[in-house]
Amino acid sequence: MHDAVGADADRYKVFFARAPAALIVTDWQLRILEANAATLKLLDVGFRYLIGNSLAAYVDTADRRTLRTWHNHLSQPGASHSADFRLRRRTGFAFDARVTVSVGPTELYWTITDRTEEARAGQRLWELNRK
């Protein structure tokens, strides 16, 4: 039994580390506890600068109040919520992102998807239809 639990934990660690999506684990105060390589690449930040910092630090200033309000309404472990936010890389470059959070009993599990190309394509389509 113990070996099976250990194998599951190892499998989770490999999945988390190698997942192509940006995955983040925070506490309820939005302090980043864990992040995978895709997150480091997406936010253009090193591991030691990310862990322990607030997830809100990577949200565009104009969207931080919205994030805090959204965060304050999270409840029910097991529930999942999504919203669009403007995030900022360490370099200051802003990008559109879909943020999904799953609520755990003591932690929040986040997935971040860069929507920059999707937003550009939508804008191009709008411009073409306008002509």
C-alpha atoms as a PDB file:
ATOM      1  CA  MET A   1       0.000   0.000   0.000  1.00  0.00           C
ATOM      2  CA  HIS A   2       2.765   2.423   0.946  1.00  0.00           C
ATOM      3  CA  ASP A   3       4.525   1.753  -2.381  1.00  0.00           C
ATOM      4  CA  ALA A   4       1.334   2.570  -4.301  1.00  0.00           C
ATOM      5  CA  VAL A   5       0.976   5.885  -2.482  1.00  0.00           C
ATOM      6  CA  GLY A   6       4.619   6.694  -3.163  1.00  0.00           C
ATOM      7  CA  ALA A   7       4.191   5.818  -6.850  1.00  0.00           C
ATOM      8  CA  ASP A   8       1.125   8.074  -7.052  1.00  0.00           C
ATOM      9  CA  ALA A   9       3.042  10.925  -5.437  1.00  0.00           C
ATOM     10  CA  ASP A  10       5.944  10.440  -7.861  1.00  0.00           C
ATOM     11  CA  ARG A  11       3.553  10.332 -10.824  1.00  0.00           C
ATOM     12  CA  TYR A  12       1.922  13.574  -9.636  1.00  0.00           C
ATOM     13  CA  LYS A  13       5.301  15.291  -9.287  1.00  0.00           C
ATOM     14  CA  VAL A  14       6.316  14.287 -12.823  1.00  0.00           C
ATOM     15  CA  PHE A  15       2.955  15.366 -14.233  1.00  0.00           C
ATOM     16  CA  PHE A  16       3.086  18.701 -12.421  1.00  0.00           C
ATOM     17  CA  ALA A  17       6.669  19.416 -13.481  1.00  0.00           C
ATOM     18  CA  ARG A  18       6.211  18.455 -17.146  1.00  0.00           C
ATOM     19  CA  ALA A  19       2.677  19.710 -17.806  1.00  0.00           C
ATOM     20  CA  PRO A  20       2.550  22.071 -20.793  1.00  0.00           C
ATOM     21  CA  ALA A  21       0.074  24.319 -18.963  1.00  0.00           C
ATOM     22  CA  ALA A  22       1.128  26.855 -16.354  1.00  0.00           C
ATOM     23  CA  LEU A  23       0.182  25.306 -12.981  1.00  0.00           C
ATOM     24  CA  ILE A  24       0.432  27.115  -9.653  1.00  0.00           C
ATOM     25  CA  VAL A  25      -0.447  26.162  -6.081  1.00  0.00           C
ATOM     26  CA  THR A  26      -1.143  29.010  -3.658  1.00  0.00           C
ATOM     27  CA  ASP A  27      -2.337  29.313  -0.111  1.00  0.00           C
ATOM     28  CA  TRP A  28      -5.566  31.213   0.603  1.00  0.00           C
ATOM     29  CA  GLN A  29      -3.624  34.492   0.800  1.00  0.00           C
ATOM     30  CA  LEU A  30      -2.474  33.940  -2.838  1.00  0.00           C
ATOM     31  CA  ARG A  31       1.134  33.266  -1.782  1.00  0.00           C
ATOM     32  CA  ILE A  32       2.719  30.975  -4.379  1.00  0.00           C
ATOM     33  CA  LEU A  33       3.760  27.652  -2.860  1.00  0.00           C
ATOM     34  CA  GLU A  34       4.536  25.667  -6.017  1.00  0.00           C
ATOM     35  CA  ALA A  35       4.809  26.360  -9.728  1.00  0.00           C
ATOM     36  CA  ASN A  36       5.873  24.295 -12.704  1.00  0.00           C
ATOM     37  CA  ALA A  37       8.314  25.021 -15.541  1.00  0.00           C
ATOM     38  CA  ALA A  38       5.526  26.221 -17.860  1.00  0.00           C
ATOM     39  CA  THR A  39       4.658  28.907 -15.296  1.00  0.00           C
ATOM     40  CA  LEU A  40       8.260  30.061 -15.095  1.00  0.00           C
ATOM     41  CA  LYS A  41       8.375  30.358 -18.873  1.00  0.00           C
ATOM     42  CA  LEU A  42       4.984  32.099 -19.152  1.00  0.00           C
ATOM     43  CA  LEU A  43       5.821  34.687 -16.485  1.00  0.00           C
ATOM     44  CA  ASP A  44       9.493  34.893 -17.531  1.00  0.00           C
ATOM     45  CA  VAL A  45      10.686  34.499 -13.966  1.00  0.00           C
ATOM     46  CA  GLY A  46      13.044  32.234 -12.061  1.00  0.00           C
ATOM     47  CA  PHE A  47      11.763  29.735  -9.504  1.00  0.00           C
ATOM     48  CA  ARG A  48      13.405  31.473  -6.541  1.00  0.00           C
ATOM     49  CA  TYR A  49      11.721  34.778  -7.436  1.00  0.00           C
ATOM     50  CA  LEU A  50       8.281  33.227  -7.825  1.00  0.00           C
ATOM     51  CA  ILE A  51       7.890  31.000  -4.764  1.00  0.00           C
ATOM     52  CA  GLY A  52       6.661  32.916  -1.734  1.00  0.00           C
ATOM     53  CA  ASN A  53       5.461  35.899  -3.747  1.00  0.00           C
ATOM     54  CA  SER A  54       1.830  36.815  -4.232  1.00  0.00           C
ATOM     55  CA  LEU A  55       0.106  35.685  -7.403  1.00  0.00           C
ATOM     56  CA  ALA A  56      -1.464  39.166  -7.457  1.00  0.00           C
ATOM     57  CA  ALA A  57       1.993  40.629  -8.182  1.00  0.00           C
ATOM     58  CA  TYR A  58       1.732  39.149 -11.695  1.00  0.00           C
ATOM     59  CA  VAL A  59      -1.753  40.543 -12.330  1.00  0.00           C
ATOM     60  CA  ASP A  60      -1.926  43.867 -14.145  1.00  0.00           C
ATOM     61  CA  THR A  61      -2.544  46.718 -11.716  1.00  0.00           C
ATOM     62  CA  ALA A  62      -5.907  47.502 -13.342  1.00  0.00           C
ATOM     63  CA  ASP A  63      -7.128  43.928 -12.695  1.00  0.00           C
ATOM     64  CA  ARG A  64      -5.863  43.425  -9.133  1.00  0.00           C
ATOM     65  CA  ARG A  65      -9.021  44.688  -7.451  1.00  0.00           C
ATOM     66  CA  THR A  66     -11.085  42.365  -9.667  1.00  0.00           C
ATOM     67  CA  LEU A  67      -8.815  39.454  -8.717  1.00  0.00           C
ATOM     68  CA  ARG A  68      -9.166  40.219  -5.010  1.00  0.00           C
ATOM     69  CA  THR A  69     -12.965  40.460  -5.268  1.00  0.00           C
ATOM     70  CA  TRP A  70     -13.106  37.234  -7.294  1.00  0.00           C
ATOM     71  CA  HIS A  71     -10.774  35.538  -4.806  1.00  0.00           C
ATOM     72  CA  ASN A  72     -12.906  36.625  -1.835  1.00  0.00           C
ATOM     73  CA  HIS A  73     -15.909  34.842  -3.338  1.00  0.00           C
ATOM     74  CA  LEU A  74     -14.154  31.492  -3.750  1.00  0.00           C
ATOM     75  CA  SER A  75     -15.541  28.784  -1.533  1.00  0.00           C
ATOM     76  CA  GLN A  76     -16.542  25.140  -1.466  1.00  0.00           C
ATOM     77  CA  PRO A  77     -13.566  22.825  -1.816  1.00  0.00           C
ATOM     78  CA  GLY A  78     -13.765  21.087  -5.166  1.00  0.00           C
ATOM     79  CA  ALA A  79     -15.362  24.062  -6.932  1.00  0.00           C
ATOM     80  CA  SER A  80     -13.683  25.452 -10.038  1.00  0.00           C
ATOM     81  CA  HIS A  81     -13.905  29.015 -11.373  1.00  0.00           C
ATOM     82  CA  SER A  82     -12.483  30.763 -14.455  1.00  0.00           C
ATOM     83  CA  ALA A  83     -12.013  34.405 -15.405  1.00  0.00           C
ATOM     84  CA  ASP A  84      -9.974  36.492 -17.818  1.00  0.00           C
ATOM     85  CA  PHE A  85      -7.250  38.756 -16.480  1.00  0.00           C
ATOM     86  CA  ARG A  86      -4.421  40.803 -17.855  1.00  0.00           C
ATOM     87  CA  LEU A  87      -1.152  39.452 -16.439  1.00  0.00           C
ATOM     88  CA  ARG A  88       2.372  40.849 -16.532  1.00  0.00           C
ATOM     89  CA  ARG A  89       5.607  39.038 -17.095  1.00  0.00           C
ATOM     90  CA  ARG A  90       8.629  39.959 -15.008  1.00  0.00           C
ATOM     91  CA  THR A  91       9.793  42.087 -17.958  1.00  0.00           C
ATOM     92  CA  GLY A  92       6.596  44.157 -17.717  1.00  0.00           C
ATOM     93  CA  PHE A  93       5.053  42.749 -20.912  1.00  0.00           C
ATOM     94  CA  ALA A  94       1.287  42.440 -20.396  1.00  0.00           C
ATOM     95  CA  PHE A  95      -0.771  39.619 -21.884  1.00  0.00           C
ATOM     96  CA  ASP A  96      -4.342  38.364 -21.788  1.00  0.00           C
ATOM     97  CA  ALA A  97      -4.834  35.180 -19.793  1.00  0.00           C
ATOM     98  CA  ARG A  98      -7.594  32.793 -18.830  1.00  0.00           C
ATOM     99  CA  VAL A  99      -7.164  31.964 -15.148  1.00  0.00           C
ATOM    100  CA  THR A 100      -8.862  28.896 -13.706  1.00  0.00           C
ATOM    101  CA  VAL A 101      -8.764  28.061 -10.021  1.00  0.00           C
ATOM    102  CA  SER A 102      -9.832  24.885  -8.262  1.00  0.00           C
ATOM    103  CA  VAL A 103     -10.553  25.255  -4.587  1.00  0.00           C
ATOM    104  CA  GLY A 104      -8.921  22.857  -2.151  1.00  0.00           C
ATOM    105  CA  PRO A 105      -9.415  22.686   1.600  1.00  0.00           C
ATOM    106  CA  THR A 106      -6.162  24.522   2.389  1.00  0.00           C
ATOM    107  CA  GLU A 107      -4.774  25.495  -1.024  1.00  0.00           C
ATOM    108  CA  LEU A 108      -5.861  26.900  -4.366  1.00  0.00           C
ATOM    109  CA  TYR A 109      -4.834  25.191  -7.613  1.00  0.00           C
ATOM    110  CA  TRP A 110      -4.400  27.521 -10.572  1.00  0.00           C
ATOM    111  CA  THR A 111      -4.065  27.016 -14.315  1.00  0.00           C
ATOM    112  CA  ILE A 112      -3.069  29.974 -16.470  1.00  0.00           C
ATOM    113  CA  THR A 113      -3.516  30.004 -20.234  1.00  0.00           C
ATOM    114  CA  ASP A 114      -1.995  32.736 -22.408  1.00  0.00           C
ATOM    115  CA  ARG A 115      -4.773  34.087 -24.649  1.00  0.00           C
ATOM    116  CA  THR A 116      -2.640  36.617 -26.552  1.00  0.00           C
ATOM    117  CA  GLU A 117      -2.924  34.884 -29.931  1.00  0.00           C
ATOM    118  CA  GLU A 118      -6.630  34.235 -29.432  1.00  0.00           C
ATOM    119  CA  ALA A 119      -7.183  37.929 -28.621  1.00  0.00           C
ATOM    120  CA  ARG A 120      -5.160  39.009 -31.687  1.00  0.00           C
ATOM    121  CA  ALA A 121      -7.105  36.653 -33.949  1.00  0.00           C
ATOM    122  CA  GLY A 122     -10.389  37.995 -32.570  1.00  0.00           C
ATOM    123  CA  GLN A 123      -9.244  41.553 -33.190  1.00  0.00           C
ATOM    124  CA  ARG A 124      -8.181  40.732 -36.769  1.00  0.00           C
ATOM    125  CA  LEU A 125     -11.530  39.025 -37.422  1.00  0.00           C
ATOM    126  CA  TRP A 126     -13.399  42.035 -36.040  1.00  0.00           C
ATOM    127  CA  GLU A 127     -11.370  44.361 -38.287  1.00  0.00           C
ATOM    128  CA  LEU A 128     -12.032  42.208 -41.360  1.00  0.00           C
ATOM    129  CA  ASN A 129     -15.760  42.087 -40.652  1.00  0.00           C
ATOM    130  CA  ARG A 130     -15.842  45.832 -40.166  1.00  0.00           C
ATOM    131  CA  LYS A 131     -14.624  46.458 -43.740  1.00  0.00           C
END
